[in-house]
Amino acid sequence: MHGGGRTRGRGVLDGKPAATNHQAFAWVTSQGPRVLWDSVSRWVDAGRHVTLAGVSAGTDMGFYLVKRLCGRAVAEAAVLGAEYDWHRDPEAPIWYPDGAIVPTAPLPGAVVRQKASEKTERAEKGGKKGKKTK
């Protein structure tokens, strides 16, 4: 279980399909020209070697390996236990939702919570009055 880039110079994947990080795809593929690089899939199962295309793809691939080794019921139970949105098809495009609209000012009547660091920063600037200590 690894990204194909880790084994590129060793010949382990020569002639086999493999995935690697999509952002580093051009560089990695130039280092292993005899590998059948897959630029679409999040992971590739080539039998003995299963390669992945990045960190989050590794989580999806991990659940796939649980399915491959222990069966679908076990994998689905693990997914539910992890509360994870498993991308079961390695070739399916990932849909990224549009960013939420974030208001620039609090809505009327909203309770505004501050991070502890913001409270400390304001207090250091003198924004919060308190008893003076000698």
Foldseek 3Di string as FASTA:
>chain_A
DEAPLVCQQVCPQFPFEGEAALVCVVVSCVSRVRHNYDNAFQWDCRDVDIHGHDDVSVVLVVLVVCCVVPNDVVSVVVCVVVVHDHPNGRRDDDDDDDDDDDDPDDDPPDDDDDDPVVVVVCVVVVNDDDDDDD
